[in-house]
């Protein structure tokens, strides 16, 4: 029993370190989808085109999440967009196989860091 307790404590310490440092994730799918279909609610801003990135947390067998990005259609808004911030951080737009940094946000959900 003492060994299980020690293993559990070590796993908690590893999780705490991961929360501070973040995780690595791998883009497994880039899906074109509107905000209405992704969030399954009507938007007061109307329907917008976007992409959903499907991310697998490295080292986890089944732990995955998705994150939606709107697609910018006007060059004036590109540099202020989240998709541009993603490109600046990772050197390219999202593609399958790209490794990304992941954190747990203030609501307890995974989020790509950019």
PDB file of N, CA and C in Angstrom:
ATOM      1  N   UNK A   1       0.814  -1.194   0.000  1.00  0.00           N
ATOM      2  CA  UNK A   1       0.000   0.000   0.000  1.00  0.00           C
ATOM      3  C   UNK A   1       0.860   1.261   0.000  1.00  0.00           C
ATOM      4  N   UNK A   2       1.977   1.219   0.720  1.00  0.00           N
ATOM      5  CA  UNK A   2       2.875   2.365   0.794  1.00  0.00           C
ATOM      6  C   UNK A   2       3.437   2.703  -0.598  1.00  0.00           C
ATOM      7  N   UNK A   3       3.691   1.677  -1.430  1.00  0.00           N
ATOM      8  CA  UNK A   3       4.215   1.895  -2.781  1.00  0.00           C
ATOM      9  C   UNK A   3       3.175   2.606  -3.649  1.00  0.00           C
ATOM     10  N   UNK A   4       1.900   2.225  -3.505  1.00  0.00           N
ATOM     11  CA  UNK A   4       0.833   2.883  -4.265  1.00  0.00           C
ATOM     12  C   UNK A   4       0.716   4.347  -3.872  1.00  0.00           C
ATOM     13  N   UNK A   5       0.814   4.601  -2.566  1.00  0.00           N
ATOM     14  CA  UNK A   5       0.721   5.973  -2.079  1.00  0.00           C
ATOM     15  C   UNK A   5       1.874   6.806  -2.633  1.00  0.00           C
ATOM     16  N   UNK A   6       3.069   6.258  -2.629  1.00  0.00           N
ATOM     17  CA  UNK A   6       4.234   6.968  -3.143  1.00  0.00           C
ATOM     18  C   UNK A   6       4.087   7.228  -4.640  1.00  0.00           C
ATOM     19  N   UNK A   7       3.611   6.228  -5.388  1.00  0.00           N
ATOM     20  CA  UNK A   7       3.406   6.398  -6.826  1.00  0.00           C
ATOM     21  C   UNK A   7       2.367   7.482  -7.092  1.00  0.00           C
ATOM     22  N   UNK A   8       1.319   7.501  -6.269  1.00  0.00           N
ATOM     23  CA  UNK A   8       0.269   8.510  -6.425  1.00  0.00           C
ATOM     24  C   UNK A   8       0.827   9.907  -6.158  1.00  0.00           C
ATOM     25  N   UNK A   9       1.599  10.043  -5.105  1.00  0.00           N
ATOM     26  CA  UNK A   9       2.209  11.341  -4.775  1.00  0.00           C
ATOM     27  C   UNK A   9       3.124  11.793  -5.903  1.00  0.00           C
ATOM     28  N   UNK A  10       3.906  10.887  -6.451  1.00  0.00           N
ATOM     29  CA  UNK A  10       4.787  11.230  -7.567  1.00  0.00           C
ATOM     30  C   UNK A  10       3.991  11.662  -8.788  1.00  0.00           C
ATOM     31  N   UNK A  11       2.858  10.991  -9.038  1.00  0.00           N
ATOM     32  CA  UNK A  11       2.035  11.378 -10.189  1.00  0.00           C
ATOM     33  C   UNK A  11       1.425  12.766  -9.975  1.00  0.00           C
ATOM     34  N   UNK A  12       1.034  13.079  -8.731  1.00  0.00           N
ATOM     35  CA  UNK A  12       0.513  14.417  -8.438  1.00  0.00           C
ATOM     36  C   UNK A  12       1.583  15.481  -8.645  1.00  0.00           C
ATOM     37  N   UNK A  13       2.809  15.189  -8.233  1.00  0.00           N
ATOM     38  CA  UNK A  13       3.905  16.136  -8.421  1.00  0.00           C
ATOM     39  C   UNK A  13       4.181  16.345  -9.904  1.00  0.00           C
ATOM     40  N   UNK A  14       4.112  15.271 -10.683  1.00  0.00           N
ATOM     41  CA  UNK A  14       4.314  15.375 -12.132  1.00  0.00           C
ATOM     42  C   UNK A  14       3.215  16.224 -12.762  1.00  0.00           C
ATOM     43  N   UNK A  15       1.967  16.037 -12.298  1.00  0.00           N
ATOM     44  CA  UNK A  15       0.854  16.835 -12.818  1.00  0.00           C
ATOM     45  C   UNK A  15       1.034  18.306 -12.463  1.00  0.00           C
ATOM     46  N   UNK A  16       1.483  18.585 -11.234  1.00  0.00           N
ATOM     47  CA  UNK A  16       1.699  19.964 -10.819  1.00  0.00           C
ATOM     48  C   UNK A  16       2.760  20.629 -11.689  1.00  0.00           C
ATOM     49  N   UNK A  17       3.848  19.917 -11.961  1.00  0.00           N
ATOM     50  CA  UNK A  17       4.897  20.448 -12.835  1.00  0.00           C
ATOM     51  C   UNK A  17       4.349  20.707 -14.231  1.00  0.00           C
ATOM     52  N   UNK A  18       3.526  19.775 -14.738  1.00  0.00           N
ATOM     53  CA  UNK A  18       2.945  19.933 -16.072  1.00  0.00           C
ATOM     54  C   UNK A  18       2.023  21.138 -16.123  1.00  0.00           C
ATOM     55  N   UNK A  19       1.294  21.385 -15.039  1.00  0.00           N
ATOM     56  CA  UNK A  19       0.412  22.557 -15.012  1.00  0.00           C
ATOM     57  C   UNK A  19       1.219  23.843 -15.112  1.00  0.00           C
ATOM     58  N   UNK A  20       2.361  23.880 -14.447  1.00  0.00           N
ATOM     59  CA  UNK A  20       3.218  25.063 -14.486  1.00  0.00           C
ATOM     60  C   UNK A  20       3.902  25.224 -15.838  1.00  0.00           C
ATOM     61  N   UNK A  21       4.392  24.114 -16.382  1.00  0.00           N
ATOM     62  CA  UNK A  21       5.204  24.149 -17.601  1.00  0.00           C
ATOM     63  C   UNK A  21       4.392  23.937 -18.868  1.00  0.00           C
ATOM     64  N   UNK A  22       3.199  23.388 -18.754  1.00  0.00           N
ATOM     65  CA  UNK A  22       2.384  23.085 -19.923  1.00  0.00           C
ATOM     66  C   UNK A  22       2.672  21.683 -20.440  1.00  0.00           C
ATOM     67  N   UNK A  23       2.017  21.360 -21.514  1.00  0.00           N
ATOM     68  CA  UNK A  23       2.112  20.041 -22.129  1.00  0.00           C
ATOM     69  C   UNK A  23       2.505  20.211 -23.590  1.00  0.00           C
ATOM     70  N   UNK A  24       2.819  19.119 -24.229  1.00  0.00           N
ATOM     71  CA  UNK A  24       2.992  19.084 -25.676  1.00  0.00           C
ATOM     72  C   UNK A  24       1.801  18.340 -26.247  1.00  0.00           C
ATOM     73  N   UNK A  25       1.336  18.791 -27.388  1.00  0.00           N
ATOM     74  CA  UNK A  25       0.235  18.137 -28.066  1.00  0.00           C
ATOM     75  C   UNK A  25       0.548  18.025 -29.541  1.00  0.00           C
ATOM     76  N   UNK A  26      -0.175  17.166 -30.228  1.00  0.00           N
ATOM     77  CA  UNK A  26       0.044  16.918 -31.652  1.00  0.00           C
ATOM     78  C   UNK A  26      -1.262  17.145 -32.391  1.00  0.00           C
ATOM     79  N   UNK A  27      -1.228  17.965 -33.439  1.00  0.00           N
ATOM     80  CA  UNK A  27      -2.429  18.164 -34.256  1.00  0.00           C
ATOM     81  C   UNK A  27      -2.677  16.888 -35.049  1.00  0.00           C
ATOM     82  N   UNK A  28      -3.845  16.286 -34.842  1.00  0.00           N
ATOM     83  CA  UNK A  28      -4.184  15.039 -35.537  1.00  0.00           C
ATOM     84  C   UNK A  28      -5.192  15.253 -36.664  1.00  0.00           C
ATOM     85  N   UNK A  29      -5.875  16.416 -36.640  1.00  0.00           N
ATOM     86  CA  UNK A  29      -6.864  16.694 -37.685  1.00  0.00           C
ATOM     87  C   UNK A  29      -7.115  18.192 -37.734  1.00  0.00           C
ATOM     88  N   UNK A  30      -7.264  18.722 -38.938  1.00  0.00           N
ATOM     89  CA  UNK A  30      -7.665  20.107 -39.150  1.00  0.00           C
ATOM     90  C   UNK A  30      -8.975  20.038 -39.924  1.00  0.00           C
ATOM     91  N   UNK A  31     -10.055  20.473 -39.286  1.00  0.00           N
ATOM     92  CA  UNK A  31     -11.391  20.312 -39.847  1.00  0.00           C
ATOM     93  C   UNK A  31     -12.019  21.675 -40.146  1.00  0.00           C
ATOM     94  N   UNK A  32     -12.480  21.864 -41.369  1.00  0.00           N
ATOM     95  CA  UNK A  32     -13.203  23.085 -41.707  1.00  0.00           C
ATOM     96  C   UNK A  32     -14.613  22.970 -41.151  1.00  0.00           C
ATOM     97  N   UNK A  33     -15.007  23.957 -40.323  1.00  0.00           N
ATOM     98  CA  UNK A  33     -16.312  23.920 -39.685  1.00  0.00           C
ATOM     99  C   UNK A  33     -16.699  25.325 -39.249  1.00  0.00           C
ATOM    100  N   UNK A  34     -17.970  25.654 -39.351  1.00  0.00           N
ATOM    101  CA  UNK A  34     -18.414  26.985 -38.931  1.00  0.00           C
ATOM    102  C   UNK A  34     -18.524  27.052 -37.408  1.00  0.00           C
ATOM    103  N   UNK A  35     -18.570  28.278 -36.905  1.00  0.00           N
ATOM    104  CA  UNK A  35     -18.721  28.476 -35.463  1.00  0.00           C
ATOM    105  C   UNK A  35     -20.046  27.893 -34.957  1.00  0.00           C
ATOM    106  N   UNK A  36     -21.103  28.007 -35.744  1.00  0.00           N
ATOM    107  CA  UNK A  36     -22.421  27.515 -35.333  1.00  0.00           C
ATOM    108  C   UNK A  36     -22.405  25.994 -35.199  1.00  0.00           C
ATOM    109  N   UNK A  37     -21.777  25.315 -36.167  1.00  0.00           N
ATOM    110  CA  UNK A  37     -21.710  23.849 -36.094  1.00  0.00           C
ATOM    111  C   UNK A  37     -20.767  23.384 -34.988  1.00  0.00           C
ATOM    112  N   UNK A  38     -19.670  24.091 -34.798  1.00  0.00           N
ATOM    113  CA  UNK A  38     -18.698  23.687 -33.780  1.00  0.00           C
ATOM    114  C   UNK A  38     -19.262  23.868 -32.374  1.00  0.00           C
ATOM    115  N   UNK A  39     -19.800  25.048 -32.095  1.00  0.00           N
ATOM    116  CA  UNK A  39     -20.292  25.347 -30.750  1.00  0.00           C
ATOM    117  C   UNK A  39     -21.737  24.893 -30.532  1.00  0.00           C
ATOM    118  N   UNK A  40     -22.421  24.524 -31.620  1.00  0.00           N
ATOM    119  CA  UNK A  40     -23.803  24.025 -31.579  1.00  0.00           C
ATOM    120  C   UNK A  40     -24.775  25.034 -30.979  1.00  0.00           C
ATOM    121  N   UNK A  41     -24.504  26.316 -31.236  1.00  0.00           N
ATOM    122  CA  UNK A  41     -25.407  27.386 -30.823  1.00  0.00           C
ATOM    123  C   UNK A  41     -25.379  28.483 -31.884  1.00  0.00           C
ATOM    124  N   UNK A  42     -26.439  29.226 -31.962  1.00  0.00           N
ATOM    125  CA  UNK A  42     -26.477  30.373 -32.859  1.00  0.00           C
ATOM    126  C   UNK A  42     -25.612  31.486 -32.272  1.00  0.00           C
ATOM    127  N   UNK A  43     -24.945  32.210 -33.134  1.00  0.00           N
ATOM    128  CA  UNK A  43     -24.083  33.295 -32.689  1.00  0.00           C
ATOM    129  C   UNK A  43     -24.727  34.632 -33.019  1.00  0.00           C
ATOM    130  N   UNK A  44     -24.593  35.578 -32.124  1.00  0.00           N
ATOM    131  CA  UNK A  44     -25.106  36.919 -32.399  1.00  0.00           C
ATOM    132  C   UNK A  44     -24.284  37.597 -33.501  1.00  0.00           C
ATOM    133  N   UNK A  45     -23.097  37.063 -33.793  1.00  0.00           N
ATOM    134  CA  UNK A  45     -22.237  37.583 -34.861  1.00  0.00           C
ATOM    135  C   UNK A  45     -22.517  36.919 -36.193  1.00  0.00           C
ATOM    136  N   UNK A  46     -23.431  35.958 -36.200  1.00  0.00           N
ATOM    137  CA  UNK A  46     -23.731  35.229 -37.424  1.00  0.00           C
ATOM    138  C   UNK A  46     -22.796  34.038 -37.597  1.00  0.00           C
ATOM    139  N   UNK A  47     -22.997  33.333 -38.676  1.00  0.00           N
ATOM    140  CA  UNK A  47     -22.191  32.142 -38.943  1.00  0.00           C
ATOM    141  C   UNK A  47     -20.865  32.546 -39.573  1.00  0.00           C
ATOM    142  N   UNK A  48     -19.763  32.039 -39.004  1.00  0.00           N
ATOM    143  CA  UNK A  48     -18.424  32.354 -39.510  1.00  0.00           C
ATOM    144  C   UNK A  48     -17.686  31.071 -39.838  1.00  0.00           C
ATOM    145  N   UNK A  49     -16.907  31.130 -40.917  1.00  0.00           N
ATOM    146  CA  UNK A  49     -16.068  29.990 -41.278  1.00  0.00           C
ATOM    147  C   UNK A  49     -14.904  29.883 -40.308  1.00  0.00           C
ATOM    148  N   UNK A  50     -14.482  28.661 -40.073  1.00  0.00           N
ATOM    149  CA  UNK A  50     -13.349  28.457 -39.185  1.00  0.00           C
ATOM    150  C   UNK A  50     -12.773  27.063 -39.343  1.00  0.00           C
ATOM    151  N   UNK A  51     -11.819  26.778 -38.495  1.00  0.00           N
ATOM    152  CA  UNK A  51     -11.226  25.438 -38.454  1.00  0.00           C
ATOM    153  C   UNK A  51     -11.202  24.960 -37.007  1.00  0.00           C
ATOM    154  N   UNK A  52     -11.400  23.678 -36.851  1.00  0.00           N
ATOM    155  CA  UNK A  52     -11.267  23.036 -35.546  1.00  0.00           C
ATOM    156  C   UNK A  52     -10.003  22.198 -35.595  1.00  0.00           C
ATOM    157  N   UNK A  53      -9.116  22.436 -34.658  1.00  0.00           N
ATOM    158  CA  UNK A  53      -7.902  21.640 -34.555  1.00  0.00           C
ATOM    159  C   UNK A  53      -8.140  20.547 -33.529  1.00  0.00           C
ATOM    160  N   UNK A  54      -7.893  19.323 -33.915  1.00  0.00           N
ATOM    161  CA  UNK A  54      -8.004  18.179 -33.011  1.00  0.00           C
ATOM    162  C   UNK A  54      -6.598  17.889 -32.505  1.00  0.00           C
ATOM    163  N   UNK A  55      -6.425  17.907 -31.198  1.00  0.00           N
ATOM    164  CA  UNK A  55      -5.109  17.788 -30.575  1.00  0.00           C
ATOM    165  C   UNK A  55      -5.080  16.569 -29.673  1.00  0.00           C
ATOM    166  N   UNK A  56      -4.024  15.767 -29.795  1.00  0.00           N
ATOM    167  CA  UNK A  56      -3.774  14.645 -28.879  1.00  0.00           C
ATOM    168  C   UNK A  56      -2.659  15.070 -27.944  1.00  0.00           C
ATOM    169  N   UNK A  57      -2.898  14.943 -26.651  1.00  0.00           N
ATOM    170  CA  UNK A  57      -1.879  15.280 -25.663  1.00  0.00           C
ATOM    171  C   UNK A  57      -0.780  14.220 -25.727  1.00  0.00           C
ATOM    172  N   UNK A  58       0.457  14.658 -25.927  1.00  0.00           N
ATOM    173  CA  UNK A  58       1.578  13.713 -26.009  1.00  0.00           C
ATOM    174  C   UNK A  58       1.707  12.930 -24.712  1.00  0.00           C
ATOM    175  N   UNK A  59       1.918  11.645 -24.850  1.00  0.00           N
ATOM    176  CA  UNK A  59       2.097  10.772 -23.699  1.00  0.00           C
ATOM    177  C   UNK A  59       0.788  10.214 -23.182  1.00  0.00           C
ATOM    178  N   UNK A  60      -0.326  10.751 -23.600  1.00  0.00           N
ATOM    179  CA  UNK A  60      -1.630  10.251 -23.155  1.00  0.00           C
ATOM    180  C   UNK A  60      -2.201   9.343 -24.235  1.00  0.00           C
ATOM    181  N   UNK A  61      -2.811   8.251 -23.818  1.00  0.00           N
ATOM    182  CA  UNK A  61      -3.355   7.318 -24.800  1.00  0.00           C
ATOM    183  C   UNK A  61      -4.609   7.851 -25.464  1.00  0.00           C
ATOM    184  N   UNK A  62      -5.495   8.440 -24.687  1.00  0.00           N
ATOM    185  CA  UNK A  62      -6.781   8.851 -25.251  1.00  0.00           C
ATOM    186  C   UNK A  62      -7.149  10.294 -24.948  1.00  0.00           C
ATOM    187  N   UNK A  63      -6.273  11.053 -24.376  1.00  0.00           N
ATOM    188  CA  UNK A  63      -6.613  12.413 -23.985  1.00  0.00           C
ATOM    189  C   UNK A  63      -6.476  13.349 -25.187  1.00  0.00           C
ATOM    190  N   UNK A  64      -7.611  13.868 -25.632  1.00  0.00           N
ATOM    191  CA  UNK A  64      -7.641  14.754 -26.791  1.00  0.00           C
ATOM    192  C   UNK A  64      -8.556  15.934 -26.505  1.00  0.00           C
ATOM    193  N   UNK A  65      -8.427  16.983 -27.304  1.00  0.00           N
ATOM    194  CA  UNK A  65      -9.342  18.114 -27.235  1.00  0.00           C
ATOM    195  C   UNK A  65      -9.372  18.796 -28.590  1.00  0.00           C
ATOM    196  N   UNK A  66     -10.347  19.663 -28.784  1.00  0.00           N
ATOM    197  CA  UNK A  66     -10.412  20.453 -30.014  1.00  0.00           C
ATOM    198  C   UNK A  66     -10.423  21.929 -29.647  1.00  0.00           C
ATOM    199  N   UNK A  67      -9.935  22.729 -30.580  1.00  0.00           N
ATOM    200  CA  UNK A  67      -9.949  24.175 -30.400  1.00  0.00           C
ATOM    201  C   UNK A  67     -10.315  24.806 -31.732  1.00  0.00           C
ATOM    202  N   UNK A  68     -11.218  25.786 -31.692  1.00  0.00           N
ATOM    203  CA  UNK A  68     -11.725  26.426 -32.908  1.00  0.00           C
ATOM    204  C   UNK A  68     -11.045  27.763 -33.145  1.00  0.00           C
ATOM    205  N   UNK A  69     -10.734  28.038 -34.407  1.00  0.00           N
ATOM    206  CA  UNK A  69     -10.179  29.319 -34.835  1.00  0.00           C
ATOM    207  C   UNK A  69     -11.038  29.852 -35.969  1.00  0.00           C
ATOM    208  N   UNK A  70     -11.383  31.135 -35.923  1.00  0.00           N
ATOM    209  CA  UNK A  70     -12.114  31.728 -37.043  1.00  0.00           C
ATOM    210  C   UNK A  70     -11.133  31.979 -38.186  1.00  0.00           C
ATOM    211  N   UNK A  71     -11.653  31.884 -39.399  1.00  0.00           N
ATOM    212  CA  UNK A  71     -10.851  32.173 -40.586  1.00  0.00           C
ATOM    213  C   UNK A  71     -11.089  33.627 -40.977  1.00  0.00           C
ATOM    214  N   UNK A  72     -10.034  34.372 -41.087  1.00  0.00           N
ATOM    215  CA  UNK A  72     -10.107  35.797 -41.383  1.00  0.00           C
ATOM    216  C   UNK A  72     -10.234  35.992 -42.886  1.00  0.00           C
ATOM    217  N   UNK A  73     -11.197  36.808 -43.289  1.00  0.00           N
ATOM    218  CA  UNK A  73     -11.424  37.044 -44.720  1.00  0.00           C
ATOM    219  C   UNK A  73     -10.969  38.429 -45.148  1.00  0.00           C
ATOM    220  N   UNK A  74     -10.549  39.254 -44.203  1.00  0.00           N
ATOM    221  CA  UNK A  74     -10.169  40.631 -44.485  1.00  0.00           C
ATOM    222  C   UNK A  74      -8.727  40.831 -44.010  1.00  0.00           C
ATOM    223  N   UNK A  75      -7.851  41.254 -44.897  1.00  0.00           N
ATOM    224  CA  UNK A  75      -6.440  41.426 -44.555  1.00  0.00           C
ATOM    225  C   UNK A  75      -6.239  42.400 -43.397  1.00  0.00           C
ATOM    226  N   UNK A  76      -7.165  43.328 -43.208  1.00  0.00           N
ATOM    227  CA  UNK A  76      -7.016  44.312 -42.125  1.00  0.00           C
ATOM    228  C   UNK A  76      -7.073  43.664 -40.748  1.00  0.00           C
ATOM    229  N   UNK A  77      -7.800  42.556 -40.624  1.00  0.00           N
ATOM    230  CA  UNK A  77      -7.941  41.906 -39.321  1.00  0.00           C
ATOM    231  C   UNK A  77      -6.973  40.765 -39.079  1.00  0.00           C
ATOM    232  N   UNK A  78      -6.195  40.410 -40.094  1.00  0.00           N
ATOM    233  CA  UNK A  78      -5.343  39.218 -39.992  1.00  0.00           C
ATOM    234  C   UNK A  78      -4.346  39.311 -38.837  1.00  0.00           C
ATOM    235  N   UNK A  79      -3.620  40.405 -38.744  1.00  0.00           N
ATOM    236  CA  UNK A  79      -2.547  40.505 -37.740  1.00  0.00           C
ATOM    237  C   UNK A  79      -3.060  40.562 -36.299  1.00  0.00           C
ATOM    238  N   UNK A  80      -4.356  40.819 -36.105  1.00  0.00           N
ATOM    239  CA  UNK A  80      -4.929  40.819 -34.765  1.00  0.00           C
ATOM    240  C   UNK A  80      -5.617  39.489 -34.439  1.00  0.00           C
ATOM    241  N   UNK A  81      -5.599  38.560 -35.366  1.00  0.00           N
ATOM    242  CA  UNK A  81      -6.353  37.314 -35.189  1.00  0.00           C
ATOM    243  C   UNK A  81      -5.565  36.260 -34.417  1.00  0.00           C
ATOM    244  N   UNK A  82      -6.298  35.324 -33.841  1.00  0.00           N
ATOM    245  CA  UNK A  82      -5.670  34.203 -33.134  1.00  0.00           C
ATOM    246  C   UNK A  82      -4.912  33.296 -34.098  1.00  0.00           C
ATOM    247  N   UNK A  83      -5.421  33.132 -35.310  1.00  0.00           N
ATOM    248  CA  UNK A  83      -4.746  32.259 -36.280  1.00  0.00           C
ATOM    249  C   UNK A  83      -3.389  32.860 -36.665  1.00  0.00           C
ATOM    250  N   UNK A  84      -3.295  34.191 -36.715  1.00  0.00           N
ATOM    251  CA  UNK A  84      -2.010  34.839 -37.006  1.00  0.00           C
ATOM    252  C   UNK A  84      -1.053  34.665 -35.819  1.00  0.00           C
ATOM    253  N   UNK A  85      -1.556  34.811 -34.600  1.00  0.00           N
ATOM    254  CA  UNK A  85      -0.722  34.600 -33.419  1.00  0.00           C
ATOM    255  C   UNK A  85      -0.184  33.166 -33.410  1.00  0.00           C
ATOM    256  N   UNK A  86      -1.011  32.215 -33.834  1.00  0.00           N
ATOM    257  CA  UNK A  86      -0.574  30.820 -33.945  1.00  0.00           C
ATOM    258  C   UNK A  86       0.587  30.730 -34.930  1.00  0.00           C
ATOM    259  N   UNK A  87       0.432  31.349 -36.110  1.00  0.00           N
ATOM    260  CA  UNK A  87       1.478  31.290 -37.144  1.00  0.00           C
ATOM    261  C   UNK A  87       2.777  31.916 -36.645  1.00  0.00           C
ATOM    262  N   UNK A  88       2.670  33.026 -35.940  1.00  0.00           N
ATOM    263  CA  UNK A  88       3.869  33.694 -35.423  1.00  0.00           C
ATOM    264  C   UNK A  88       4.605  32.769 -34.450  1.00  0.00           C
ATOM    265  N   UNK A  89       3.864  32.116 -33.559  1.00  0.00           N
ATOM    266  CA  UNK A  89       4.506  31.245 -32.556  1.00  0.00           C
ATOM    267  C   UNK A  89       5.117  29.998 -33.183  1.00  0.00           C
ATOM    268  N   UNK A  90       4.392  29.352 -34.111  1.00  0.00           N
ATOM    269  CA  UNK A  90       4.832  28.051 -34.638  1.00  0.00           C
ATOM    270  C   UNK A  90       5.476  28.128 -36.015  1.00  0.00           C
ATOM    271  N   UNK A  91       5.494  29.307 -36.622  1.00  0.00           N
ATOM    272  CA  UNK A  91       6.168  29.472 -37.906  1.00  0.00           C
ATOM    273  C   UNK A  91       5.362  29.016 -39.105  1.00  0.00           C
ATOM    274  N   UNK A  92       4.150  28.528 -38.878  1.00  0.00           N
ATOM    275  CA  UNK A  92       3.274  28.107 -39.972  1.00  0.00           C
ATOM    276  C   UNK A  92       1.855  28.021 -39.464  1.00  0.00           C
ATOM    277  N   UNK A  93       0.932  27.974 -40.395  1.00  0.00           N
ATOM    278  CA  UNK A  93      -0.464  27.778 -40.031  1.00  0.00           C
ATOM    279  C   UNK A  93      -0.666  26.325 -39.621  1.00  0.00           C
ATOM    280  N   UNK A  94      -1.753  26.004 -38.929  1.00  0.00           N
ATOM    281  CA  UNK A  94      -1.959  24.638 -38.420  1.00  0.00           C
ATOM    282  C   UNK A  94      -1.981  23.582 -39.522  1.00  0.00           C
ATOM    283  N   UNK A  95      -1.229  22.508 -39.296  1.00  0.00           N
ATOM    284  CA  UNK A  95      -1.214  21.351 -40.182  1.00  0.00           C
ATOM    285  C   UNK A  95      -1.150  20.084 -39.334  1.00  0.00           C
ATOM    286  N   UNK A  96      -1.667  19.001 -39.880  1.00  0.00           N
ATOM    287  CA  UNK A  96      -1.607  17.718 -39.188  1.00  0.00           C
ATOM    288  C   UNK A  96      -0.143  17.347 -38.957  1.00  0.00           C
ATOM    289  N   UNK A  97       0.163  16.881 -37.757  1.00  0.00           N
ATOM    290  CA  UNK A  97       1.512  16.457 -37.411  1.00  0.00           C
ATOM    291  C   UNK A  97       2.339  17.516 -36.701  1.00  0.00           C
ATOM    292  N   UNK A  98       1.847  18.754 -36.651  1.00  0.00           N
ATOM    293  CA  UNK A  98       2.586  19.825 -35.982  1.00  0.00           C
ATOM    294  C   UNK A  98       2.445  19.685 -34.469  1.00  0.00           C
ATOM    295  N   UNK A  99       3.564  19.749 -33.761  1.00  0.00           N
ATOM    296  CA  UNK A  99       3.549  19.704 -32.302  1.00  0.00           C
ATOM    297  C   UNK A  99       3.303  21.115 -31.772  1.00  0.00           C
ATOM    298  N   UNK A 100       2.402  21.226 -30.796  1.00  0.00           N
ATOM    299  CA  UNK A 100       2.048  22.522 -30.216  1.00  0.00           C
ATOM    300  C   UNK A 100       2.182  22.473 -28.699  1.00  0.00           C
ATOM    301  N   UNK A 101       2.306  23.651 -28.104  1.00  0.00           N
ATOM    302  CA  UNK A 101       2.332  23.773 -26.654  1.00  0.00           C
ATOM    303  C   UNK A 101       0.895  23.908 -26.159  1.00  0.00           C
ATOM    304  N   UNK A 102       0.594  23.223 -25.068  1.00  0.00           N
ATOM    305  CA  UNK A 102      -0.765  23.193 -24.530  1.00  0.00           C
ATOM    306  C   UNK A 102      -0.712  23.578 -23.060  1.00  0.00           C
ATOM    307  N   UNK A 103      -1.729  24.299 -22.615  1.00  0.00           N
ATOM    308  CA  UNK A 103      -1.847  24.645 -21.203  1.00  0.00           C
ATOM    309  C   UNK A 103      -3.264  24.311 -20.749  1.00  0.00           C
ATOM    310  N   UNK A 104      -3.479  24.377 -19.465  1.00  0.00           N
ATOM    311  CA  UNK A 104      -4.826  24.285 -18.925  1.00  0.00           C
ATOM    312  C   UNK A 104      -5.232  25.708 -18.572  1.00  0.00           C
ATOM    313  N   UNK A 105      -6.338  26.175 -19.162  1.00  0.00           N
ATOM    314  CA  UNK A 105      -6.747  27.565 -18.959  1.00  0.00           C
ATOM    315  C   UNK A 105      -7.422  27.768 -17.604  1.00  0.00           C
ATOM    316  N   UNK A 106      -7.830  28.992 -17.338  1.00  0.00           N
ATOM    317  CA  UNK A 106      -8.411  29.337 -16.044  1.00  0.00           C
ATOM    318  C   UNK A 106      -9.724  28.621 -15.751  1.00  0.00           C
ATOM    319  N   UNK A 107     -10.351  28.042 -16.790  1.00  0.00           N
ATOM    320  CA  UNK A 107     -11.595  27.284 -16.604  1.00  0.00           C
ATOM    321  C   UNK A 107     -11.363  25.778 -16.506  1.00  0.00           C
ATOM    322  N   UNK A 108     -10.099  25.367 -16.559  1.00  0.00           N
ATOM    323  CA  UNK A 108      -9.784  23.946 -16.431  1.00  0.00           C
ATOM    324  C   UNK A 108      -9.803  23.187 -17.740  1.00  0.00           C
ATOM    325  N   UNK A 109      -9.810  23.903 -18.860  1.00  0.00           N
ATOM    326  CA  UNK A 109      -9.824  23.263 -20.178  1.00  0.00           C
ATOM    327  C   UNK A 109      -8.456  23.376 -20.829  1.00  0.00           C
ATOM    328  N   UNK A 110      -8.134  22.382 -21.692  1.00  0.00           N
ATOM    329  CA  UNK A 110      -6.915  22.479 -22.482  1.00  0.00           C
ATOM    330  C   UNK A 110      -7.043  23.608 -23.489  1.00  0.00           C
ATOM    331  N   UNK A 111      -5.938  24.274 -23.779  1.00  0.00           N
ATOM    332  CA  UNK A 111      -5.894  25.328 -24.784  1.00  0.00           C
ATOM    333  C   UNK A 111      -4.512  25.360 -25.398  1.00  0.00           C
ATOM    334  N   UNK A 112      -4.455  25.598 -26.697  1.00  0.00           N
ATOM    335  CA  UNK A 112      -3.169  25.742 -27.382  1.00  0.00           C
ATOM    336  C   UNK A 112      -2.572  27.082 -26.967  1.00  0.00           C
ATOM    337  N   UNK A 113      -1.272  27.077 -26.695  1.00  0.00           N
ATOM    338  CA  UNK A 113      -0.575  28.319 -26.337  1.00  0.00           C
ATOM    339  C   UNK A 113      -0.089  28.985 -27.624  1.00  0.00           C
ATOM    340  N   UNK A 114      -0.398  30.265 -27.766  1.00  0.00           N
ATOM    341  CA  UNK A 114       0.075  31.041 -28.915  1.00  0.00           C
ATOM    342  C   UNK A 114       0.189  32.494 -28.533  1.00  0.00           C
TER     343      UNK A 114
END
